[in-house]
Amino acid sequence: GAAGIVGFAVREVQADPDAVFAWIRRVDLHEQYYPALRFVRRRGGTWPVVEEGTAFSMLLGGLFIPYVKLTKVDTTLRTLGWGSNTPLLSVCHAFTVKSVGDGRTLSRPAFSPASS
């Protein structure tokens, strides 16, 4: 359910869902999509196309997040999730991409506190 979700956004674009999901897997490009996100850097795992186990750091607004790890990448369901559990931040972030017809695609990111 939606319990615990503290941030949520849905984007609809005129694009193929596989192309949208491929772009989302390029975490190094997310700075173009989220202006507050900067200095995304690989900390381990595959790059620039991320897989489960890839880790990275980033600056989000004024908050440096030193370690984020991909916990789920499902190319069939077009779902990707990552999380961070540091002394300053405990969070999960998931993307789901799906076709809505007529060449349109929804990208649905959700943010929630990480489970303890």
N, C-alpha and C. Protein backbone atom coordinates (compact mmCIF):
# COMPACT_ATOMS: atom_id res chain seq x y z
N GLY A 1 0.81 -1.18 0.00
CA GLY A 1 0.00 0.00 0.00
C GLY A 1 0.86 1.24 0.00
N ALA A 2 0.20 2.36 0.16
CA ALA A 2 0.88 3.65 0.13
C ALA A 2 1.32 4.11 1.51
N ALA A 3 1.10 3.33 2.55
CA ALA A 3 1.50 3.73 3.90
C ALA A 3 3.00 3.98 3.95
N GLY A 4 3.39 5.10 4.53
CA GLY A 4 4.80 5.42 4.69
C GLY A 4 5.41 6.17 3.52
N ILE A 5 4.71 6.31 2.41
CA ILE A 5 5.28 7.04 1.27
C ILE A 5 5.29 8.52 1.60
N VAL A 6 6.45 9.14 1.44
CA VAL A 6 6.58 10.55 1.75
C VAL A 6 6.80 11.42 0.52
N GLY A 7 6.97 10.82 -0.62
CA GLY A 7 7.14 11.58 -1.85
C GLY A 7 6.65 10.74 -3.01
N PHE A 8 6.11 11.37 -4.04
CA PHE A 8 5.51 10.61 -5.12
C PHE A 8 5.37 11.49 -6.35
N ALA A 9 5.65 10.96 -7.52
CA ALA A 9 5.49 11.73 -8.75
C ALA A 9 5.23 10.77 -9.90
N VAL A 10 4.36 11.16 -10.80
CA VAL A 10 4.10 10.38 -12.00
C VAL A 10 4.43 11.26 -13.20
N ARG A 11 5.18 10.71 -14.13
CA ARG A 11 5.51 11.43 -15.36
C ARG A 11 4.99 10.63 -16.53
N GLU A 12 4.36 11.30 -17.45
CA GLU A 12 3.91 10.66 -18.68
C GLU A 12 4.69 11.27 -19.83
N VAL A 13 5.25 10.39 -20.67
CA VAL A 13 6.03 10.85 -21.81
C VAL A 13 5.59 10.13 -23.07
N GLN A 14 5.85 10.74 -24.20
CA GLN A 14 5.58 10.13 -25.49
C GLN A 14 6.84 9.37 -25.89
N ALA A 15 6.95 8.11 -25.45
CA ALA A 15 8.14 7.31 -25.72
C ALA A 15 7.84 5.84 -25.45
N ASP A 16 8.64 4.99 -26.02
CA ASP A 16 8.54 3.56 -25.82
C ASP A 16 8.93 3.22 -24.37
N PRO A 17 8.17 2.36 -23.68
CA PRO A 17 8.49 2.05 -22.29
C PRO A 17 9.87 1.42 -22.09
N ASP A 18 10.31 0.61 -23.04
CA ASP A 18 11.65 0.02 -22.92
C ASP A 18 12.72 1.10 -23.01
N ALA A 19 12.52 2.10 -23.85
CA ALA A 19 13.48 3.21 -23.95
C ALA A 19 13.49 4.04 -22.67
N VAL A 20 12.32 4.26 -22.07
CA VAL A 20 12.24 5.01 -20.82
C VAL A 20 12.94 4.24 -19.71
N PHE A 21 12.70 2.93 -19.62
CA PHE A 21 13.34 2.13 -18.58
C PHE A 21 14.86 2.08 -18.78
N ALA A 22 15.29 1.98 -20.03
CA ALA A 22 16.73 1.99 -20.31
C ALA A 22 17.36 3.30 -19.83
N TRP A 23 16.66 4.41 -20.03
CA TRP A 23 17.18 5.71 -19.58
C TRP A 23 17.22 5.76 -18.06
N ILE A 24 16.18 5.26 -17.38
CA ILE A 24 16.15 5.27 -15.92
C ILE A 24 17.30 4.46 -15.35
N ARG A 25 17.71 3.40 -16.04
CA ARG A 25 18.84 2.58 -15.57
C ARG A 25 20.17 3.30 -15.73
N ARG A 26 20.18 4.44 -16.38
CA ARG A 26 21.39 5.28 -16.49
C ARG A 26 21.33 6.34 -15.39
N VAL A 27 21.61 5.93 -14.16
CA VAL A 27 21.53 6.82 -13.01
C VAL A 27 22.40 8.06 -13.20
N ASP A 28 23.49 7.91 -13.94
CA ASP A 28 24.36 9.06 -14.20
C ASP A 28 23.67 10.16 -15.00
N LEU A 29 22.56 9.85 -15.66
CA LEU A 29 21.82 10.85 -16.44
C LEU A 29 20.68 11.51 -15.65
N HIS A 30 20.39 11.03 -14.46
CA HIS A 30 19.25 11.53 -13.70
C HIS A 30 19.37 13.00 -13.34
N GLU A 31 20.58 13.53 -13.35
CA GLU A 31 20.76 14.96 -13.07
C GLU A 31 20.00 15.81 -14.09
N GLN A 32 19.79 15.29 -15.30
CA GLN A 32 19.04 16.01 -16.33
C GLN A 32 17.55 16.05 -15.99
N TYR A 33 17.08 15.10 -15.22
CA TYR A 33 15.66 14.92 -14.89
C TYR A 33 15.33 15.58 -13.56
N TYR A 34 16.23 15.47 -12.59
CA TYR A 34 16.05 16.03 -11.26
C TYR A 34 17.10 17.12 -11.04
N PRO A 35 16.75 18.39 -11.17
CA PRO A 35 17.74 19.45 -11.04
C PRO A 35 18.44 19.49 -9.67
N ALA A 36 17.79 19.01 -8.62
CA ALA A 36 18.40 19.03 -7.29
C ALA A 36 19.43 17.91 -7.11
N LEU A 37 19.48 16.98 -8.03
CA LEU A 37 20.40 15.85 -7.95
C LEU A 37 21.68 16.20 -8.70
N ARG A 38 22.83 16.05 -8.01
CA ARG A 38 24.10 16.37 -8.64
C ARG A 38 25.18 15.41 -8.18
N PHE A 39 26.26 15.38 -8.91
CA PHE A 39 27.47 14.62 -8.54
C PHE A 39 27.19 13.15 -8.27
N VAL A 40 26.42 12.52 -9.14
CA VAL A 40 26.17 11.08 -9.03
C VAL A 40 27.46 10.36 -9.42
N ARG A 41 27.96 9.50 -8.54
CA ARG A 41 29.22 8.80 -8.77
C ARG A 41 29.10 7.33 -8.42
N ARG A 42 29.68 6.51 -9.25
CA ARG A 42 29.69 5.06 -9.04
C ARG A 42 30.53 4.71 -7.82
N ARG A 43 30.01 3.78 -6.98
CA ARG A 43 30.74 3.30 -5.81
C ARG A 43 31.01 1.80 -5.90
N GLY A 44 30.48 1.15 -6.96
CA GLY A 44 30.70 -0.27 -7.15
C GLY A 44 29.63 -0.85 -8.05
N GLY A 45 29.95 -1.95 -8.73
CA GLY A 45 28.98 -2.59 -9.60
C GLY A 45 29.03 -2.05 -11.02
N THR A 46 28.06 -2.45 -11.81
CA THR A 46 28.02 -2.07 -13.23
C THR A 46 27.76 -0.57 -13.38
N TRP A 47 28.28 -0.01 -14.48
CA TRP A 47 28.12 1.43 -14.76
C TRP A 47 28.41 1.67 -16.21
N PRO A 48 27.74 2.51 -16.92
CA PRO A 48 26.70 3.40 -16.44
C PRO A 48 25.31 2.76 -16.41
N VAL A 49 25.10 1.61 -17.05
CA VAL A 49 23.79 0.93 -16.97
C VAL A 49 23.80 0.07 -15.71
N VAL A 50 22.95 0.42 -14.75
CA VAL A 50 22.99 -0.21 -13.44
C VAL A 50 22.27 -1.56 -13.42
N GLU A 51 22.72 -2.40 -12.52
CA GLU A 51 22.14 -3.72 -12.25
C GLU A 51 21.95 -3.84 -10.74
N GLU A 52 21.28 -4.91 -10.29
CA GLU A 52 21.19 -5.16 -8.86
C GLU A 52 22.60 -5.22 -8.29
N GLY A 53 22.81 -4.56 -7.18
CA GLY A 53 24.11 -4.54 -6.53
C GLY A 53 24.96 -3.32 -6.85
N THR A 54 24.62 -2.57 -7.91
CA THR A 54 25.35 -1.35 -8.21
C THR A 54 25.15 -0.36 -7.06
N ALA A 55 26.22 0.30 -6.68
CA ALA A 55 26.16 1.30 -5.61
C ALA A 55 26.66 2.63 -6.15
N PHE A 56 26.12 3.72 -5.63
CA PHE A 56 26.53 5.05 -6.05
C PHE A 56 26.33 6.04 -4.92
N SER A 57 26.94 7.20 -5.06
CA SER A 57 26.73 8.31 -4.12
C SER A 57 26.16 9.47 -4.92
N MET A 58 25.60 10.46 -4.19
CA MET A 58 25.02 11.61 -4.88
C MET A 58 24.83 12.76 -3.90
N LEU A 59 24.66 13.93 -4.45
CA LEU A 59 24.29 15.11 -3.70
C LEU A 59 22.86 15.43 -4.09
N LEU A 60 21.96 15.46 -3.12
CA LEU A 60 20.55 15.74 -3.37
C LEU A 60 20.20 17.01 -2.61
N GLY A 61 20.02 18.10 -3.37
CA GLY A 61 19.87 19.39 -2.72
C GLY A 61 21.17 19.68 -1.99
N GLY A 62 21.10 19.92 -0.71
CA GLY A 62 22.31 20.14 0.08
C GLY A 62 22.75 18.92 0.87
N LEU A 63 22.11 17.78 0.65
CA LEU A 63 22.40 16.56 1.42
C LEU A 63 23.26 15.60 0.60
N PHE A 64 24.45 15.29 1.10
CA PHE A 64 25.31 14.30 0.47
C PHE A 64 24.87 12.92 0.93
N ILE A 65 24.57 12.05 -0.01
CA ILE A 65 24.18 10.67 0.29
C ILE A 65 25.34 9.79 -0.15
N PRO A 66 26.13 9.29 0.82
CA PRO A 66 27.38 8.62 0.48
C PRO A 66 27.24 7.23 -0.11
N TYR A 67 26.11 6.58 0.11
CA TYR A 67 25.99 5.20 -0.37
C TYR A 67 24.54 4.83 -0.62
N VAL A 68 24.25 4.50 -1.87
CA VAL A 68 22.94 4.03 -2.29
C VAL A 68 23.18 2.75 -3.08
N LYS A 69 22.37 1.73 -2.85
CA LYS A 69 22.58 0.46 -3.53
C LYS A 69 21.31 0.01 -4.24
N LEU A 70 21.48 -0.48 -5.49
CA LEU A 70 20.36 -1.03 -6.24
C LEU A 70 19.97 -2.37 -5.63
N THR A 71 18.72 -2.49 -5.24
CA THR A 71 18.24 -3.73 -4.63
C THR A 71 17.35 -4.54 -5.57
N LYS A 72 16.87 -3.89 -6.63
CA LYS A 72 15.98 -4.58 -7.57
C LYS A 72 16.10 -3.96 -8.95
N VAL A 73 16.32 -4.79 -9.95
CA VAL A 73 16.24 -4.37 -11.35
C VAL A 73 15.54 -5.51 -12.08
N ASP A 74 14.32 -5.28 -12.52
CA ASP A 74 13.55 -6.28 -13.23
C ASP A 74 13.19 -5.71 -14.60
N THR A 75 13.88 -6.19 -15.64
CA THR A 75 13.67 -5.65 -16.98
C THR A 75 12.34 -6.09 -17.58
N THR A 76 11.80 -7.21 -17.13
CA THR A 76 10.50 -7.67 -17.63
C THR A 76 9.38 -6.79 -17.09
N LEU A 77 9.39 -6.51 -15.79
CA LEU A 77 8.36 -5.66 -15.18
C LEU A 77 8.71 -4.17 -15.26
N ARG A 78 9.93 -3.87 -15.75
CA ARG A 78 10.44 -2.50 -15.83
C ARG A 78 10.35 -1.81 -14.46
N THR A 79 10.93 -2.47 -13.49
CA THR A 79 10.94 -1.97 -12.11
C THR A 79 12.39 -1.89 -11.63
N LEU A 80 12.69 -0.82 -10.94
CA LEU A 80 14.03 -0.61 -10.41
C LEU A 80 13.87 -0.01 -9.02
N GLY A 81 14.68 -0.48 -8.08
CA GLY A 81 14.61 0.06 -6.73
C GLY A 81 15.98 0.18 -6.12
N TRP A 82 16.18 1.22 -5.31
CA TRP A 82 17.43 1.37 -4.59
C TRP A 82 17.12 1.86 -3.19
N GLY A 83 18.10 1.72 -2.34
CA GLY A 83 17.92 2.15 -0.96
C GLY A 83 19.21 2.62 -0.34
N SER A 84 19.06 3.33 0.76
CA SER A 84 20.19 3.83 1.53
C SER A 84 19.82 3.75 3.00
N ASN A 85 20.76 3.28 3.78
CA ASN A 85 20.54 3.22 5.21
C ASN A 85 21.82 3.69 5.89
N THR A 86 21.90 4.99 6.12
CA THR A 86 23.06 5.61 6.75
C THR A 86 22.59 6.28 8.03
N PRO A 87 23.51 6.73 8.87
CA PRO A 87 23.08 7.42 10.10
C PRO A 87 22.20 8.65 9.84
N LEU A 88 22.38 9.29 8.70
CA LEU A 88 21.59 10.49 8.39
C LEU A 88 20.36 10.23 7.54
N LEU A 89 20.29 9.08 6.87
CA LEU A 89 19.21 8.86 5.92
C LEU A 89 18.89 7.38 5.78
N SER A 90 17.61 7.08 5.85
CA SER A 90 17.14 5.73 5.60
C SER A 90 15.96 5.86 4.64
N VAL A 91 16.14 5.41 3.39
CA VAL A 91 15.14 5.66 2.37
C VAL A 91 15.15 4.57 1.31
N CYS A 92 14.01 4.36 0.69
CA CYS A 92 13.87 3.49 -0.49
C CYS A 92 13.34 4.34 -1.64
N HIS A 93 13.73 4.01 -2.84
CA HIS A 93 13.24 4.72 -4.03
C HIS A 93 12.99 3.66 -5.09
N ALA A 94 11.82 3.67 -5.67
CA ALA A 94 11.49 2.68 -6.70
C ALA A 94 10.88 3.37 -7.91
N PHE A 95 11.23 2.85 -9.09
CA PHE A 95 10.63 3.30 -10.34
C PHE A 95 9.87 2.13 -10.96
N THR A 96 8.70 2.40 -11.48
CA THR A 96 7.98 1.44 -12.30
C THR A 96 7.61 2.15 -13.60
N VAL A 97 7.86 1.50 -14.72
CA VAL A 97 7.58 2.08 -16.03
C VAL A 97 6.57 1.20 -16.73
N LYS A 98 5.52 1.80 -17.28
CA LYS A 98 4.52 1.00 -18.00
C LYS A 98 3.92 1.78 -19.16
N SER A 99 3.55 1.04 -20.18
CA SER A 99 2.90 1.62 -21.35
C SER A 99 1.45 1.92 -21.00
N VAL A 100 0.96 3.07 -21.49
CA VAL A 100 -0.44 3.42 -21.29
C VAL A 100 -1.15 3.58 -22.63
N GLY A 101 -0.51 3.08 -23.70
CA GLY A 101 -1.13 3.10 -25.02
C GLY A 101 -0.79 4.34 -25.83
N ASP A 102 -1.03 4.25 -27.13
CA ASP A 102 -0.78 5.35 -28.06
C ASP A 102 0.65 5.89 -27.97
N GLY A 103 1.62 5.00 -27.67
CA GLY A 103 3.01 5.41 -27.62
C GLY A 103 3.39 6.20 -26.37
N ARG A 104 2.49 6.22 -25.39
CA ARG A 104 2.75 6.96 -24.16
C ARG A 104 3.22 6.00 -23.06
N THR A 105 4.06 6.51 -22.19
CA THR A 105 4.62 5.72 -21.11
C THR A 105 4.55 6.49 -19.80
N LEU A 106 4.21 5.80 -18.72
CA LEU A 106 4.22 6.39 -17.39
C LEU A 106 5.47 5.94 -16.65
N SER A 107 6.14 6.88 -16.03
CA SER A 107 7.23 6.59 -15.11
C SER A 107 6.73 6.99 -13.74
N ARG A 108 6.69 6.02 -12.85
CA ARG A 108 6.12 6.29 -11.53
C ARG A 108 7.17 6.03 -10.45
N PRO A 109 7.86 7.08 -10.01
CA PRO A 109 8.78 6.91 -8.90
C PRO A 109 8.04 7.09 -7.58
N ALA A 110 8.49 6.37 -6.57
CA ALA A 110 7.92 6.53 -5.22
C ALA A 110 9.08 6.50 -4.23
N PHE A 111 8.98 7.30 -3.21
CA PHE A 111 10.01 7.40 -2.17
C PHE A 111 9.35 7.03 -0.86
N SER A 112 10.02 6.26 -0.04
CA SER A 112 9.47 5.95 1.27
C SER A 112 10.59 5.70 2.25
N PRO A 113 10.28 5.79 3.53
CA PRO A 113 11.30 5.43 4.52
C PRO A 113 11.68 3.97 4.37
N ALA A 114 12.94 3.66 4.51
CA ALA A 114 13.38 2.27 4.44
C ALA A 114 12.89 1.51 5.66
N SER A 115 12.60 0.25 5.46
CA SER A 115 12.19 -0.55 6.62
C SER A 115 13.41 -0.81 7.48
N SER A 116 13.19 -0.87 8.77
CA SER A 116 14.32 -1.06 9.68
C SER A 116 14.64 -2.51 9.90
